Amino acid sequence: MFDKLFVLSQYLTPQLAVSRLAGKLADHDRSPEIKNRVIRWFIQRYGVDMSEALEQDPSAYASFNEFFTRELQPGARPVVADQQVMTSPVDGAISQLGRIDGNRVFQAKGQHFSLLELLGGDSERAAPFAGGEFATIYLAPKDYHRVHMPLAGTLREMVHIPGKLFSVNPVTAANVPNLFARNERVVAMFDTEFGPLAMVLVGAMIVGSVETTWAGVVAPGTPSVTTSRYTQQDPIRFAKGDEMGRFRLGSTVVMVMPKGAVSWQPELAAGDVVRMGQAFGSKA
């Protein structure tokens, strides 16, 4: 009953207005006493491990968002160096991973979402991934919220897709159809040695914004799909493990690869906790 009421409340809540307000409050830096209390409460409530942070003093952060997207100490997340190994892009828990069934991607028991819709409705963009591989990773509030490259790659395209802002926690994923192709999201398309890679940063309730290292903050609320393409004349290249984005308040990353491009680590399964930089798959 509680789960049903929680999901129903999200349909009734003005998602964009609430998320914009949360974003403004999280960026607010004019009330240090309130900001410090909120950060300390958050650390205690969610069990945030501040010993990993580069700045361990909660009061040293200028805003809640600066704390939430905190940098870690050097070496806190070693990245597997083998270029034949794909690594986890984030800290989080695996929601699902496996084979894409044609154009349908498994979300939760009884729920799937559309690959075509996930990637912005462009059939040419989605075609290389039909029948391919996917992995969905959920970032909990306590997690490190920067997103890193699982492979070395060159950015080809960024697509910002407006949408809803449902929560992306497991309860909502099990009860809201087409969730990850329904929420606001940023799709980054890369060329890699494994083949094309789609990194989808999914927005959620009270997520103030998604940020990329090349375009800055991509705020929610734009009315239509916007596409930015990047040429080989001025390429944006990333090494494996480089930061490519971050969430201002938590969310989910979906990775999509073509058929036969990657084999996920056999020991990984839905529900497993992963850390950025650990082995996640290998070249098929």
C-alpha atoms as a PDB file:
ATOM      1  CA  MET A   1       0.000   0.000   0.000  1.00  0.00           C
ATOM      2  CA  PHE A   2       2.812   2.437   0.895  1.00  0.00           C
ATOM      3  CA  ASP A   3       4.532   1.780  -2.448  1.00  0.00           C
ATOM      4  CA  LYS A   4       1.322   2.497  -4.369  1.00  0.00           C
ATOM      5  CA  LEU A   5       0.745   5.746  -2.468  1.00  0.00           C
ATOM      6  CA  PHE A   6       4.366   6.796  -3.053  1.00  0.00           C
ATOM      7  CA  VAL A   7       4.037   6.255  -6.805  1.00  0.00           C
ATOM      8  CA  LEU A   8       0.604   7.943  -6.930  1.00  0.00           C
ATOM      9  CA  SER A   9       2.003  10.993  -5.137  1.00  0.00           C
ATOM     10  CA  GLN A  10       4.550  11.420  -7.940  1.00  0.00           C
ATOM     11  CA  TYR A  11       1.810  11.579 -10.568  1.00  0.00           C
ATOM     12  CA  LEU A  12       0.064  14.296  -8.536  1.00  0.00           C
ATOM     13  CA  THR A  13       3.171  16.344  -7.659  1.00  0.00           C
ATOM     14  CA  PRO A  14       4.180  19.288  -9.905  1.00  0.00           C
ATOM     15  CA  GLN A  15       7.465  17.566 -10.722  1.00  0.00           C
ATOM     16  CA  LEU A  16       9.216  20.355 -12.619  1.00  0.00           C
ATOM     17  CA  ALA A  17       8.337  23.082 -10.112  1.00  0.00           C
ATOM     18  CA  VAL A  18       9.466  20.942  -7.166  1.00  0.00           C
ATOM     19  CA  SER A  19      12.703  19.998  -8.949  1.00  0.00           C
ATOM     20  CA  ARG A  20      13.502  23.589  -9.888  1.00  0.00           C
ATOM     21  CA  LEU A  21      12.929  24.711  -6.301  1.00  0.00           C
ATOM     22  CA  ALA A  22      15.130  21.897  -4.985  1.00  0.00           C
ATOM     23  CA  GLY A  23      17.844  22.878  -7.446  1.00  0.00           C
ATOM     24  CA  LYS A  24      17.770  26.508  -6.367  1.00  0.00           C
ATOM     25  CA  LEU A  25      17.890  25.587  -2.690  1.00  0.00           C
ATOM     26  CA  ALA A  26      20.752  23.146  -3.276  1.00  0.00           C
ATOM     27  CA  ASP A  27      22.751  25.893  -5.022  1.00  0.00           C
ATOM     28  CA  HIS A  28      21.941  28.506  -2.379  1.00  0.00           C
ATOM     29  CA  ASP A  29      25.055  29.772  -0.584  1.00  0.00           C
ATOM     30  CA  ARG A  30      23.747  32.730   1.440  1.00  0.00           C
ATOM     31  CA  SER A  31      22.704  30.862   4.606  1.00  0.00           C
ATOM     32  CA  PRO A  32      25.789  28.921   5.712  1.00  0.00           C
ATOM     33  CA  GLU A  33      24.267  27.849   9.033  1.00  0.00           C
ATOM     34  CA  ILE A  34      21.243  26.265   7.360  1.00  0.00           C
ATOM     35  CA  LYS A  35      23.407  24.773   4.611  1.00  0.00           C
ATOM     36  CA  ASN A  36      25.763  23.205   7.163  1.00  0.00           C
ATOM     37  CA  ARG A  37      22.868  21.740   9.151  1.00  0.00           C
ATOM     38  CA  VAL A  38      21.328  20.222   6.020  1.00  0.00           C
ATOM     39  CA  ILE A  39      24.641  18.708   4.922  1.00  0.00           C
ATOM     40  CA  ARG A  40      25.336  17.217   8.354  1.00  0.00           C
ATOM     41  CA  TRP A  41      21.784  15.840   8.539  1.00  0.00           C
ATOM     42  CA  PHE A  42      22.181  14.322   5.063  1.00  0.00           C
ATOM     43  CA  ILE A  43      25.511  12.685   5.970  1.00  0.00           C
ATOM     44  CA  GLN A  44      23.993  11.119   9.079  1.00  0.00           C
ATOM     45  CA  ARG A  45      20.667  10.178   7.466  1.00  0.00           C
ATOM     46  CA  TYR A  46      22.191   8.409   4.446  1.00  0.00           C
ATOM     47  CA  GLY A  47      25.501   7.207   5.864  1.00  0.00           C
ATOM     48  CA  VAL A  48      27.767   9.203   3.553  1.00  0.00           C
ATOM     49  CA  ASP A  49      31.428   8.146   3.919  1.00  0.00           C
ATOM     50  CA  MET A  50      33.235  11.487   4.122  1.00  0.00           C
ATOM     51  CA  SER A  51      36.606   9.791   4.700  1.00  0.00           C
ATOM     52  CA  GLU A  52      36.757   9.253   0.906  1.00  0.00           C
ATOM     53  CA  ALA A  53      36.139  12.909   0.077  1.00  0.00           C
ATOM     54  CA  LEU A  54      38.937  15.241  -0.935  1.00  0.00           C
ATOM     55  CA  GLU A  55      37.359  17.832   1.374  1.00  0.00           C
ATOM     56  CA  GLN A  56      36.173  16.060   4.513  1.00  0.00           C
ATOM     57  CA  ASP A  57      34.884  19.112   6.407  1.00  0.00           C
ATOM     58  CA  PRO A  58      31.138  19.463   5.627  1.00  0.00           C
ATOM     59  CA  SER A  59      31.171  23.178   6.459  1.00  0.00           C
ATOM     60  CA  ALA A  60      33.851  23.860   3.811  1.00  0.00           C
ATOM     61  CA  TYR A  61      31.403  23.337   0.941  1.00  0.00           C
ATOM     62  CA  ALA A  62      29.889  26.543  -0.449  1.00  0.00           C
ATOM     63  CA  SER A  63      26.511  24.908  -1.179  1.00  0.00           C
ATOM     64  CA  PHE A  64      24.685  21.617  -0.820  1.00  0.00           C
ATOM     65  CA  ASN A  65      25.259  20.868  -4.508  1.00  0.00           C
ATOM     66  CA  GLU A  66      28.997  21.397  -4.103  1.00  0.00           C
ATOM     67  CA  PHE A  67      28.914  18.839  -1.292  1.00  0.00           C
ATOM     68  CA  PHE A  68      26.689  16.452  -3.238  1.00  0.00           C
ATOM     69  CA  THR A  69      29.014  16.431  -6.261  1.00  0.00           C
ATOM     70  CA  ARG A  70      32.116  16.294  -4.035  1.00  0.00           C
ATOM     71  CA  GLU A  71      35.432  15.153  -5.437  1.00  0.00           C
ATOM     72  CA  LEU A  72      37.080  12.049  -4.000  1.00  0.00           C
ATOM     73  CA  GLN A  73      40.648  11.669  -2.833  1.00  0.00           C
ATOM     74  CA  PRO A  74      43.184  10.594  -5.479  1.00  0.00           C
ATOM     75  CA  GLY A  75      43.235   6.796  -5.714  1.00  0.00           C
ATOM     76  CA  ALA A  76      39.859   6.347  -4.001  1.00  0.00           C
ATOM     77  CA  ARG A  77      38.467   4.765  -7.192  1.00  0.00           C
ATOM     78  CA  PRO A  78      41.211   2.928  -9.122  1.00  0.00           C
ATOM     79  CA  VAL A  79      40.240   2.310 -12.743  1.00  0.00           C
ATOM     80  CA  VAL A  80      41.073  -1.048 -14.348  1.00  0.00           C
ATOM     81  CA  ALA A  81      43.764  -0.150 -16.884  1.00  0.00           C
ATOM     82  CA  ASP A  82      43.185  -2.991 -19.382  1.00  0.00           C
ATOM     83  CA  GLN A  83      41.678  -1.381 -22.505  1.00  0.00           C
ATOM     84  CA  GLN A  84      39.818  -4.621 -23.260  1.00  0.00           C
ATOM     85  CA  VAL A  85      37.828  -4.157 -20.034  1.00  0.00           C
ATOM     86  CA  MET A  86      34.833  -1.838 -19.690  1.00  0.00           C
ATOM     87  CA  THR A  87      34.528  -0.297 -16.235  1.00  0.00           C
ATOM     88  CA  SER A  88      31.629   0.933 -14.136  1.00  0.00           C
ATOM     89  CA  PRO A  89      30.968   4.623 -14.830  1.00  0.00           C
ATOM     90  CA  VAL A  90      29.554   5.326 -11.368  1.00  0.00           C
ATOM     91  CA  ASP A  91      29.085   4.185  -7.816  1.00  0.00           C
ATOM     92  CA  GLY A  92      25.652   2.632  -7.454  1.00  0.00           C
ATOM     93  CA  ALA A  93      23.527  -0.486  -7.556  1.00  0.00           C
ATOM     94  CA  ILE A  94      22.741  -2.390 -10.746  1.00  0.00           C
ATOM     95  CA  SER A  95      19.026  -2.086 -11.497  1.00  0.00           C
ATOM     96  CA  GLN A  96      19.193  -4.424 -14.489  1.00  0.00           C
ATOM     97  CA  LEU A  97      21.643  -5.553 -17.157  1.00  0.00           C
ATOM     98  CA  GLY A  98      21.509  -7.894 -20.108  1.00  0.00           C
ATOM     99  CA  ARG A  99      20.361  -8.222 -23.710  1.00  0.00           C
ATOM    100  CA  ILE A 100      18.032  -5.761 -25.439  1.00  0.00           C
ATOM    101  CA  ASP A 101      15.055  -7.638 -26.883  1.00  0.00           C
ATOM    102  CA  GLY A 102      14.838  -5.987 -30.284  1.00  0.00           C
ATOM    103  CA  ASN A 103      13.731  -2.478 -29.281  1.00  0.00           C
ATOM    104  CA  ARG A 104      12.596  -3.342 -25.744  1.00  0.00           C
ATOM    105  CA  VAL A 105      14.803  -2.858 -22.688  1.00  0.00           C
ATOM    106  CA  PHE A 106      13.992  -4.630 -19.420  1.00  0.00           C
ATOM    107  CA  GLN A 107      13.186  -2.221 -16.575  1.00  0.00           C
ATOM    108  CA  ALA A 108      11.752  -4.380 -13.789  1.00  0.00           C
ATOM    109  CA  LYS A 109       9.420  -7.354 -13.430  1.00  0.00           C
ATOM    110  CA  GLY A 110       6.528  -6.691 -15.787  1.00  0.00           C
ATOM    111  CA  GLN A 111       8.031  -3.423 -17.063  1.00  0.00           C
ATOM    112  CA  HIS A 112      10.055  -2.605 -20.188  1.00  0.00           C
ATOM    113  CA  PHE A 113      10.913   0.614 -21.975  1.00  0.00           C
ATOM    114  CA  SER A 114      11.562   1.580 -25.575  1.00  0.00           C
ATOM    115  CA  LEU A 115      15.166   1.815 -26.812  1.00  0.00           C
ATOM    116  CA  LEU A 116      14.029   4.184 -29.566  1.00  0.00           C
ATOM    117  CA  GLU A 117      12.319   6.514 -27.082  1.00  0.00           C
ATOM    118  CA  LEU A 118      15.221   6.275 -24.624  1.00  0.00           C
ATOM    119  CA  LEU A 119      17.594   7.656 -27.271  1.00  0.00           C
ATOM    120  CA  GLY A 120      15.320  10.494 -28.353  1.00  0.00           C
ATOM    121  CA  GLY A 121      13.090   8.935 -31.023  1.00  0.00           C
ATOM    122  CA  ASP A 122      15.693   8.938 -33.814  1.00  0.00           C
ATOM    123  CA  SER A 123      15.653   5.531 -35.559  1.00  0.00           C
ATOM    124  CA  GLU A 124      19.079   6.070 -37.126  1.00  0.00           C
ATOM    125  CA  ARG A 125      20.585   6.750 -33.688  1.00  0.00           C
ATOM    126  CA  ALA A 126      18.908   3.709 -32.133  1.00  0.00           C
ATOM    127  CA  ALA A 127      19.494   1.214 -34.971  1.00  0.00           C
ATOM    128  CA  PRO A 128      23.063   0.132 -34.016  1.00  0.00           C
ATOM    129  CA  PHE A 129      21.856  -0.911 -30.559  1.00  0.00           C
ATOM    130  CA  ALA A 130      18.889  -3.122 -31.533  1.00  0.00           C
ATOM    131  CA  GLY A 131      19.399  -6.517 -29.915  1.00  0.00           C
ATOM    132  CA  GLY A 132      22.451  -5.168 -28.113  1.00  0.00           C
ATOM    133  CA  GLU A 133      23.477  -4.949 -24.484  1.00  0.00           C
ATOM    134  CA  PHE A 134      22.376  -2.578 -21.731  1.00  0.00           C
ATOM    135  CA  ALA A 135      23.138  -1.865 -18.083  1.00  0.00           C
ATOM    136  CA  THR A 136      21.136   0.394 -15.762  1.00  0.00           C
ATOM    137  CA  ILE A 137      22.820   1.657 -12.573  1.00  0.00           C
ATOM    138  CA  TYR A 138      20.938   3.502  -9.820  1.00  0.00           C
ATOM    139  CA  LEU A 139      22.796   6.079  -7.719  1.00  0.00           C
ATOM    140  CA  ALA A 140      21.539   6.258  -4.120  1.00  0.00           C
ATOM    141  CA  PRO A 141      21.760   9.510  -2.121  1.00  0.00           C
ATOM    142  CA  LYS A 142      24.920   8.385  -0.290  1.00  0.00           C
ATOM    143  CA  ASP A 143      26.826   7.575  -3.480  1.00  0.00           C
ATOM    144  CA  TYR A 144      29.574   9.491  -5.257  1.00  0.00           C
ATOM    145  CA  HIS A 145      27.684  11.372  -7.977  1.00  0.00           C
ATOM    146  CA  ARG A 146      30.221  12.052 -10.701  1.00  0.00           C
ATOM    147  CA  VAL A 147      29.965  10.014 -13.909  1.00  0.00           C
ATOM    148  CA  HIS A 148      33.125   8.705 -15.572  1.00  0.00           C
ATOM    149  CA  MET A 149      33.902   7.121 -18.925  1.00  0.00           C
ATOM    150  CA  PRO A 150      33.717   3.297 -18.913  1.00  0.00           C
ATOM    151  CA  LEU A 151      35.849   3.258 -22.089  1.00  0.00           C
ATOM    152  CA  ALA A 152      38.094   5.642 -23.961  1.00  0.00           C
ATOM    153  CA  GLY A 153      35.930   7.423 -26.500  1.00  0.00           C
ATOM    154  CA  THR A 154      35.270  10.416 -28.743  1.00  0.00           C
ATOM    155  CA  LEU A 155      32.069  12.391 -28.260  1.00  0.00           C
ATOM    156  CA  ARG A 156      29.904  12.397 -31.380  1.00  0.00           C
ATOM    157  CA  GLU A 157      26.549  13.759 -30.239  1.00  0.00           C
ATOM    158  CA  MET A 158      24.626  15.017 -27.205  1.00  0.00           C
ATOM    159  CA  VAL A 159      20.832  14.912 -27.073  1.00  0.00           C
ATOM    160  CA  HIS A 160      18.771  16.615 -24.363  1.00  0.00           C
ATOM    161  CA  ILE A 161      15.295  15.064 -24.149  1.00  0.00           C
ATOM    162  CA  PRO A 162      12.613  16.762 -22.031  1.00  0.00           C
ATOM    163  CA  GLY A 163      10.266  14.589 -20.039  1.00  0.00           C
ATOM    164  CA  LYS A 164       8.821  13.743 -16.667  1.00  0.00           C
ATOM    165  CA  LEU A 165      10.787  13.749 -13.420  1.00  0.00           C
ATOM    166  CA  PHE A 166       9.641  10.631 -11.594  1.00  0.00           C
ATOM    167  CA  SER A 167      11.878   9.211  -8.905  1.00  0.00           C
ATOM    168  CA  VAL A 168      14.116   6.466 -10.290  1.00  0.00           C
ATOM    169  CA  ASN A 169      14.386   4.340  -7.163  1.00  0.00           C
ATOM    170  CA  PRO A 170      13.518   0.612  -7.313  1.00  0.00           C
ATOM    171  CA  VAL A 171       9.920   1.118  -6.115  1.00  0.00           C
ATOM    172  CA  THR A 172       9.168   3.581  -8.904  1.00  0.00           C
ATOM    173  CA  ALA A 173      11.004   1.468 -11.512  1.00  0.00           C
ATOM    174  CA  ALA A 174       8.762  -1.474 -10.620  1.00  0.00           C
ATOM    175  CA  ASN A 175       5.549   0.545 -10.910  1.00  0.00           C
ATOM    176  CA  VAL A 176       5.904   3.308 -13.543  1.00  0.00           C
ATOM    177  CA  PRO A 177       5.829   2.010 -17.153  1.00  0.00           C
ATOM    178  CA  ASN A 178       8.510   3.190 -19.586  1.00  0.00           C
ATOM    179  CA  LEU A 179      10.211   5.083 -16.757  1.00  0.00           C
ATOM    180  CA  PHE A 180      13.702   5.656 -18.163  1.00  0.00           C
ATOM    181  CA  ALA A 181      12.357   6.585 -21.617  1.00  0.00           C
ATOM    182  CA  ARG A 182       9.816   8.878 -19.962  1.00  0.00           C
ATOM    183  CA  ASN A 183      11.982  10.981 -17.662  1.00  0.00           C
ATOM    184  CA  GLU A 184      14.077  13.966 -18.721  1.00  0.00           C
ATOM    185  CA  ARG A 185      17.513  12.773 -19.811  1.00  0.00           C
ATOM    186  CA  VAL A 186      20.771  13.590 -21.545  1.00  0.00           C
ATOM    187  CA  VAL A 187      22.083  11.089 -24.116  1.00  0.00           C
ATOM    188  CA  ALA A 188      25.804  11.248 -24.917  1.00  0.00           C
ATOM    189  CA  MET A 189      26.917   9.231 -27.947  1.00  0.00           C
ATOM    190  CA  PHE A 190      30.553   8.127 -28.151  1.00  0.00           C
ATOM    191  CA  ASP A 191      32.713   6.270 -30.649  1.00  0.00           C
ATOM    192  CA  THR A 192      34.896   3.689 -28.870  1.00  0.00           C
ATOM    193  CA  GLU A 193      37.084   0.715 -29.748  1.00  0.00           C
ATOM    194  CA  PHE A 194      34.158  -1.491 -28.673  1.00  0.00           C
ATOM    195  CA  GLY A 195      31.839   0.315 -31.113  1.00  0.00           C
ATOM    196  CA  PRO A 196      29.260   3.045 -30.472  1.00  0.00           C
ATOM    197  CA  LEU A 197      28.391   3.697 -26.824  1.00  0.00           C
ATOM    198  CA  ALA A 198      25.327   5.534 -25.551  1.00  0.00           C
ATOM    199  CA  MET A 199      25.591   6.982 -22.049  1.00  0.00           C
ATOM    200  CA  VAL A 200      22.162   8.078 -20.851  1.00  0.00           C
ATOM    201  CA  LEU A 201      22.010  10.315 -17.765  1.00  0.00           C
ATOM    202  CA  VAL A 202      18.434  10.123 -16.500  1.00  0.00           C
ATOM    203  CA  GLY A 203      16.946  12.992 -14.509  1.00  0.00           C
ATOM    204  CA  ALA A 204      14.596  12.423 -11.577  1.00  0.00           C
ATOM    205  CA  MET A 205      12.404  14.089  -8.990  1.00  0.00           C
ATOM    206  CA  ILE A 206      14.275  16.932  -7.208  1.00  0.00           C
ATOM    207  CA  VAL A 207      17.323  16.478  -9.447  1.00  0.00           C
ATOM    208  CA  GLY A 208      18.203  20.135  -9.975  1.00  0.00           C
ATOM    209  CA  SER A 209      20.078  19.421 -13.195  1.00  0.00           C
ATOM    210  CA  VAL A 210      22.469  17.174 -15.072  1.00  0.00           C
ATOM    211  CA  GLU A 211      25.903  18.531 -15.909  1.00  0.00           C
ATOM    212  CA  THR A 212      28.437  17.471 -18.539  1.00  0.00           C
ATOM    213  CA  THR A 213      32.099  18.434 -18.647  1.00  0.00           C
ATOM    214  CA  TRP A 214      31.825  19.851 -22.184  1.00  0.00           C
ATOM    215  CA  ALA A 215      28.439  21.657 -22.092  1.00  0.00           C
ATOM    216  CA  GLY A 216      28.029  22.561 -18.417  1.00  0.00           C
ATOM    217  CA  VAL A 217      24.639  22.446 -16.702  1.00  0.00           C
ATOM    218  CA  VAL A 218      21.733  21.022 -18.687  1.00  0.00           C
ATOM    219  CA  ALA A 219      18.740  22.237 -16.687  1.00  0.00           C
ATOM    220  CA  PRO A 220      15.307  20.575 -16.818  1.00  0.00           C
ATOM    221  CA  GLY A 221      12.331  22.245 -18.431  1.00  0.00           C
ATOM    222  CA  THR A 222      13.240  22.873 -22.097  1.00  0.00           C
ATOM    223  CA  PRO A 223      10.204  22.267 -24.343  1.00  0.00           C
ATOM    224  CA  SER A 224      11.724  20.136 -27.119  1.00  0.00           C
ATOM    225  CA  VAL A 225      14.521  17.720 -27.962  1.00  0.00           C
ATOM    226  CA  THR A 226      17.812  19.513 -28.656  1.00  0.00           C
ATOM    227  CA  THR A 227      20.771  17.899 -30.403  1.00  0.00           C
ATOM    228  CA  SER A 228      24.412  19.002 -30.463  1.00  0.00           C
ATOM    229  CA  ARG A 229      26.839  17.291 -32.843  1.00  0.00           C
ATOM    230  CA  TYR A 230      30.613  17.338 -32.570  1.00  0.00           C
ATOM    231  CA  THR A 231      32.926  17.142 -35.566  1.00  0.00           C
ATOM    232  CA  GLN A 232      36.177  15.302 -36.098  1.00  0.00           C
ATOM    233  CA  GLN A 233      37.815  18.644 -36.888  1.00  0.00           C
ATOM    234  CA  ASP A 234      37.568  19.619 -33.225  1.00  0.00           C
ATOM    235  CA  PRO A 235      37.134  16.292 -31.402  1.00  0.00           C
ATOM    236  CA  ILE A 236      36.246  15.951 -27.720  1.00  0.00           C
ATOM    237  CA  ARG A 237      38.138  12.883 -26.545  1.00  0.00           C
ATOM    238  CA  PHE A 238      38.054  11.065 -23.215  1.00  0.00           C
ATOM    239  CA  ALA A 239      40.352   8.502 -21.677  1.00  0.00           C
ATOM    240  CA  LYS A 240      38.801   5.653 -19.746  1.00  0.00           C
ATOM    241  CA  GLY A 241      38.016   6.893 -16.250  1.00  0.00           C
ATOM    242  CA  ASP A 242      37.776  10.573 -17.202  1.00  0.00           C
ATOM    243  CA  GLU A 243      34.868  12.459 -15.676  1.00  0.00           C
ATOM    244  CA  MET A 244      32.150  13.156 -18.257  1.00  0.00           C
ATOM    245  CA  GLY A 245      29.276  14.426 -16.119  1.00  0.00           C
ATOM    246  CA  ARG A 246      27.619  14.658 -12.746  1.00  0.00           C
ATOM    247  CA  PHE A 247      24.186  14.680 -11.127  1.00  0.00           C
ATOM    248  CA  ARG A 248      23.088  17.570  -8.937  1.00  0.00           C
ATOM    249  CA  LEU A 249      21.066  15.268  -6.672  1.00  0.00           C
ATOM    250  CA  GLY A 250      20.863  11.599  -7.502  1.00  0.00           C
ATOM    251  CA  SER A 251      19.635   9.583 -10.447  1.00  0.00           C
ATOM    252  CA  THR A 252      20.420   6.754 -12.886  1.00  0.00           C
ATOM    253  CA  VAL A 253      22.812   5.980 -15.742  1.00  0.00           C
ATOM    254  CA  VAL A 254      21.891   3.642 -18.612  1.00  0.00           C
ATOM    255  CA  MET A 255      24.726   2.310 -20.803  1.00  0.00           C
ATOM    256  CA  VAL A 256      23.856   0.855 -24.209  1.00  0.00           C
ATOM    257  CA  MET A 257      26.168  -1.087 -26.537  1.00  0.00           C
ATOM    258  CA  PRO A 258      25.628  -2.864 -29.886  1.00  0.00           C
ATOM    259  CA  LYS A 259      25.043  -6.602 -30.200  1.00  0.00           C
ATOM    260  CA  GLY A 260      28.275  -8.550 -29.770  1.00  0.00           C
ATOM    261  CA  ALA A 261      30.277  -5.549 -28.542  1.00  0.00           C
ATOM    262  CA  VAL A 262      30.606  -6.442 -24.861  1.00  0.00           C
ATOM    263  CA  SER A 263      30.148  -9.298 -22.429  1.00  0.00           C
ATOM    264  CA  TRP A 264      29.118  -8.186 -18.954  1.00  0.00           C
ATOM    265  CA  GLN A 265      31.106  -9.608 -16.045  1.00  0.00           C
ATOM    266  CA  PRO A 266      29.460 -12.989 -15.345  1.00  0.00           C
ATOM    267  CA  GLU A 267      29.385 -12.410 -11.586  1.00  0.00           C
ATOM    268  CA  LEU A 268      27.333  -9.198 -11.900  1.00  0.00           C
ATOM    269  CA  ALA A 269      23.563  -9.258 -11.468  1.00  0.00           C
ATOM    270  CA  ALA A 270      20.648  -6.968 -10.638  1.00  0.00           C
ATOM    271  CA  GLY A 271      20.970  -5.667  -7.087  1.00  0.00           C
ATOM    272  CA  ASP A 272      24.777  -5.814  -6.961  1.00  0.00           C
ATOM    273  CA  VAL A 273      26.586  -2.740  -5.673  1.00  0.00           C
ATOM    274  CA  VAL A 274      29.361  -1.456  -7.938  1.00  0.00           C
ATOM    275  CA  ARG A 275      32.004   1.229  -7.706  1.00  0.00           C
ATOM    276  CA  MET A 276      33.303   3.495 -10.382  1.00  0.00           C
ATOM    277  CA  GLY A 277      36.380   2.021 -12.092  1.00  0.00           C
ATOM    278  CA  GLN A 278      35.765  -1.657 -11.311  1.00  0.00           C
ATOM    279  CA  ALA A 279      35.546  -4.208 -14.131  1.00  0.00           C
ATOM    280  CA  PHE A 280      32.034  -4.256 -15.562  1.00  0.00           C
ATOM    281  CA  GLY A 281      32.463  -6.045 -18.900  1.00  0.00           C
ATOM    282  CA  SER A 282      34.972  -7.128 -21.499  1.00  0.00           C
ATOM    283  CA  LYS A 283      35.274  -6.843 -25.267  1.00  0.00           C
ATOM    284  CA  ALA A 284      33.303  -9.677 -26.830  1.00  0.00           C
END
